[in-house]
Amino acid sequence: MAIEFERKELYGGAIVTKVPVGLIDASDLRQIPDTQEVFLNPSENTRDYTQLNKDDSIIVDLMERIDGDDTEAIREHFSEISALNDTSNSWKLVSIDDAPNKLNSKAYIGTGVEPALKWGRDESKGLDYKPTLVVVLGIIRLKKVDTDVLVTQNVLISDEDELKDLEKLQGAESSESEENRAAKRISLAKTVVKEAISNLTVEDWNLFG
């Protein structure tokens, strides 16, 4: 069964987009920065690759627009995310793709990989395959309000079989295999971020001051 989406109002209705059905608003559980909207997946799913994994999370963030070249701006946002995750200089940007949107702005979806150091995983156990965080980052560059809207899905890969498949993706072996479980999770995350970016509208521009 394909993943289903629902309309979601963000920032008190100032922004509207679509997210997967059934997510939990993290602000109901803990304090979230005013610039962010954070959604968690309540499911315990680990084997249905047509649905979000139990460890997947989605973050919408309003960031000050980084001036200059779009690719460098994307790299800068990834660098900032990596620093927050305590993985500075350990992340790798894998791909950048154009993303359609309703705001007639430049928009992209980038995919990056970094060690999963802040996700409750002990890196000292001598495992052959270390838990890895794949960050799928959507960005809409709103020049007129000097803002970059970020939509991020964090894909934590800690299952050994999935980590082996992730290694294949990053190596010389085929990255397009229908049986590659890491590829399936990353592809689903790209679908989620693309859906959010392509359906995002601003209902109240006063949100940006």
Protein backbone atom coordinates (compact mmCIF):
# COMPACT_ATOMS: atom_id res chain seq x y z
CA MET A 1 0.00 0.00 0.00
CA ALA A 2 1.38 3.41 -0.98
CA ILE A 3 1.94 5.98 1.73
CA GLU A 4 -1.00 8.36 2.27
CA PHE A 5 -0.76 12.11 2.88
CA GLU A 6 -2.93 14.68 4.63
CA ARG A 7 -3.16 18.47 4.61
CA LYS A 8 -1.33 19.98 7.58
CA GLU A 9 -1.42 23.56 8.88
CA LEU A 10 1.90 24.81 10.23
CA TYR A 11 2.80 27.87 12.29
CA GLY A 12 -0.80 28.48 13.27
CA GLY A 13 -2.03 28.08 9.70
CA ALA A 14 0.41 30.57 8.16
CA ILE A 15 1.91 27.74 6.10
CA VAL A 16 0.06 24.73 4.72
CA THR A 17 1.57 21.56 3.27
CA LYS A 18 1.08 17.80 3.13
CA VAL A 19 2.66 15.20 5.44
CA PRO A 20 2.12 11.46 5.89
CA VAL A 21 -1.10 10.49 7.66
CA GLY A 22 -0.90 9.67 11.36
CA LEU A 23 2.22 11.56 12.47
CA ILE A 24 2.51 12.90 16.02
CA ASP A 25 3.16 16.61 16.57
CA ALA A 26 6.28 16.63 18.76
CA SER A 27 5.18 19.92 20.39
CA ASP A 28 2.54 17.86 22.23
CA LEU A 29 5.39 15.98 23.92
CA ARG A 30 8.16 18.53 24.37
CA GLN A 31 9.09 22.15 23.74
CA ILE A 32 9.95 22.90 20.11
CA PRO A 33 11.68 26.09 18.83
CA ASP A 34 9.26 28.67 17.40
CA THR A 35 10.85 28.36 13.96
CA GLN A 36 10.24 24.60 13.81
CA GLU A 37 7.47 22.09 13.32
CA VAL A 38 8.50 18.53 14.22
CA PHE A 39 6.60 15.33 13.48
CA LEU A 40 7.29 11.84 14.79
CA ASN A 41 6.13 8.48 13.51
CA PRO A 42 4.22 6.52 16.20
CA SER A 43 4.35 3.27 14.21
CA GLU A 44 6.61 0.38 15.20
CA ASN A 45 7.07 -0.55 11.54
CA THR A 46 10.50 -1.81 10.54
CA ARG A 47 9.78 -4.10 7.57
CA ASP A 48 7.12 -2.48 5.39
CA TYR A 49 9.17 -0.36 3.01
CA THR A 50 6.10 1.35 1.58
CA GLN A 51 5.55 3.10 4.95
CA LEU A 52 7.66 5.22 7.28
CA ASN A 53 10.01 3.42 9.64
CA LYS A 54 9.50 3.79 13.39
CA ASP A 55 12.67 5.90 13.65
CA ASP A 56 11.80 8.35 10.85
CA SER A 57 11.10 11.98 11.78
CA ILE A 58 10.19 15.08 9.79
CA ILE A 59 11.18 18.66 10.60
CA VAL A 60 10.02 21.91 8.99
CA ASP A 61 12.23 24.87 9.82
CA LEU A 62 12.35 28.55 8.84
CA MET A 63 15.96 29.64 8.49
CA GLU A 64 17.63 32.89 7.51
CA ARG A 65 18.28 32.76 3.78
CA ILE A 66 21.87 32.02 2.88
CA ASP A 67 22.99 34.38 0.13
CA GLY A 68 24.87 33.29 -2.94
CA ASP A 69 25.04 30.13 -4.99
CA ASP A 70 22.19 27.67 -4.35
CA THR A 71 24.46 24.63 -4.17
CA GLU A 72 26.71 26.31 -1.63
CA ALA A 73 23.64 27.36 0.39
CA ILE A 74 22.46 23.75 0.48
CA ARG A 75 25.90 22.65 1.61
CA GLU A 76 25.86 25.29 4.33
CA HIS A 77 22.49 24.09 5.63
CA PHE A 78 23.77 20.50 5.67
CA SER A 79 26.85 21.68 7.54
CA GLU A 80 24.67 23.38 10.16
CA ILE A 81 22.53 20.25 10.57
CA SER A 82 25.68 18.15 10.90
CA ALA A 83 27.04 20.48 13.57
CA LEU A 84 23.82 20.15 15.57
CA ASN A 85 24.17 16.36 15.29
CA ASP A 86 27.81 16.51 16.51
CA THR A 87 29.10 15.19 13.20
CA SER A 88 30.89 18.23 11.81
CA ASN A 89 33.28 17.31 8.97
CA SER A 90 31.87 13.74 8.94
CA TRP A 91 28.91 14.28 6.61
CA LYS A 92 28.77 13.74 2.87
CA LEU A 93 26.37 15.32 0.38
CA VAL A 94 25.31 12.58 -2.03
CA SER A 95 22.88 14.29 -4.41
CA ILE A 96 20.94 17.48 -5.20
CA ASP A 97 17.79 17.49 -7.33
CA ASP A 98 15.45 20.29 -8.44
CA ALA A 99 12.04 20.27 -6.72
CA PRO A 100 8.78 21.67 -8.13
CA ASN A 101 6.78 23.97 -5.87
CA LYS A 102 3.76 26.27 -5.84
CA LEU A 103 5.67 29.38 -4.75
CA ASN A 104 7.57 29.87 -8.01
CA SER A 105 10.80 29.82 -6.05
CA LYS A 106 14.00 27.89 -6.48
CA ALA A 107 13.68 24.62 -4.59
CA TYR A 108 15.81 21.53 -4.21
CA ILE A 109 16.02 18.16 -2.48
CA GLY A 110 19.44 17.16 -1.20
CA THR A 111 20.50 13.84 0.30
CA GLY A 112 23.35 13.57 2.78
CA VAL A 113 24.87 10.85 4.96
CA GLU A 114 26.47 11.18 8.39
CA PRO A 115 27.27 9.00 11.42
CA ALA A 116 24.36 8.59 13.86
CA LEU A 117 26.14 10.03 16.88
CA LYS A 118 23.24 11.85 18.56
CA TRP A 119 20.61 9.19 18.09
CA GLY A 120 21.17 7.04 21.18
CA ARG A 121 23.57 4.65 19.47
CA ASP A 122 26.80 3.54 21.15
CA GLU A 123 29.63 3.80 18.65
CA SER A 124 32.09 2.05 20.99
CA LYS A 125 30.75 -1.49 20.67
CA GLY A 126 33.05 -2.45 17.81
CA LEU A 127 30.23 -3.19 15.37
CA ASP A 128 31.19 -3.95 11.79
CA TYR A 129 28.39 -1.69 10.56
CA LYS A 130 27.87 1.63 12.35
CA PRO A 131 24.39 3.20 12.62
CA THR A 132 24.09 5.90 9.99
CA LEU A 133 21.79 8.87 9.53
CA VAL A 134 20.59 9.69 6.03
CA VAL A 135 19.30 13.28 5.87
CA VAL A 136 16.88 14.12 3.06
CA LEU A 137 16.68 17.92 2.98
CA GLY A 138 14.15 19.88 0.96
CA ILE A 139 14.72 23.62 0.65
CA ILE A 140 12.57 26.41 -0.79
CA ARG A 141 14.51 29.66 -1.23
CA LEU A 142 12.12 32.53 -0.48
CA LYS A 143 14.18 35.48 -1.60
CA LYS A 144 11.49 38.14 -1.03
CA VAL A 145 11.28 37.36 2.70
CA ASP A 146 14.97 36.44 3.12
CA THR A 147 14.07 32.94 4.29
CA ASP A 148 15.00 29.37 3.43
CA VAL A 149 12.18 26.97 4.26
CA LEU A 150 13.66 23.57 5.11
CA VAL A 151 11.78 20.27 5.15
CA THR A 152 13.97 17.50 6.53
CA GLN A 153 13.33 13.81 6.92
CA ASN A 154 15.84 12.00 9.11
CA VAL A 155 16.27 8.36 8.13
CA LEU A 156 18.10 6.43 10.84
CA ILE A 157 19.59 3.22 9.47
CA SER A 158 20.72 0.87 12.24
CA ASP A 159 19.58 -2.58 11.05
CA GLU A 160 22.66 -4.53 9.90
CA ASP A 161 21.04 -5.74 6.68
CA GLU A 162 20.00 -2.19 5.79
CA LEU A 163 23.48 -0.91 6.62
CA LYS A 164 24.99 -3.50 4.29
CA ASP A 165 22.64 -2.29 1.56
CA LEU A 166 23.59 1.32 2.31
CA GLU A 167 27.24 0.39 1.86
CA LYS A 168 26.36 -1.02 -1.56
CA LEU A 169 24.63 2.26 -2.46
CA GLN A 170 27.76 4.20 -1.63
CA GLY A 171 30.10 1.75 -3.33
CA ALA A 172 30.60 0.39 -6.81
CA GLU A 173 27.68 -2.02 -6.67
CA SER A 174 24.36 -1.22 -8.34
CA SER A 175 22.35 1.42 -6.48
CA GLU A 176 19.13 0.72 -8.35
CA SER A 177 18.34 -2.80 -7.11
CA GLU A 178 14.68 -3.25 -6.20
CA GLU A 179 15.83 -5.41 -3.30
CA ASN A 180 18.07 -2.79 -1.71
CA ARG A 181 16.35 -1.97 1.58
CA ALA A 182 18.33 1.19 2.28
CA ALA A 183 17.46 2.47 -1.19
CA LYS A 184 13.78 1.84 -0.50
CA ARG A 185 13.86 3.86 2.73
CA ILE A 186 15.73 6.73 1.12
CA SER A 187 13.41 6.73 -1.89
CA LEU A 188 10.38 6.88 0.41
CA ALA A 189 11.92 9.79 2.32
CA LYS A 190 12.48 11.66 -0.94
CA THR A 191 8.84 11.05 -1.84
CA VAL A 192 7.71 12.47 1.52
CA VAL A 193 9.92 15.57 1.25
CA LYS A 194 8.95 16.12 -2.39
CA GLU A 195 5.25 15.94 -1.46
CA ALA A 196 5.75 18.49 1.32
CA ILE A 197 7.77 20.86 -0.88
CA SER A 198 5.48 20.61 -3.92
CA ASN A 199 2.32 21.28 -1.86
CA LEU A 200 3.69 23.96 0.46
CA THR A 201 1.85 27.30 0.33
CA VAL A 202 2.12 30.45 2.42
CA GLU A 203 -1.28 31.60 3.65
CA ASP A 204 0.00 34.52 5.73
CA TRP A 205 3.24 36.23 4.68
CA ASN A 206 3.18 38.23 7.93
CA LEU A 207 4.73 35.14 9.48
CA PHE A 208 8.06 36.34 8.12
CA GLY A 209 7.79 39.78 9.74
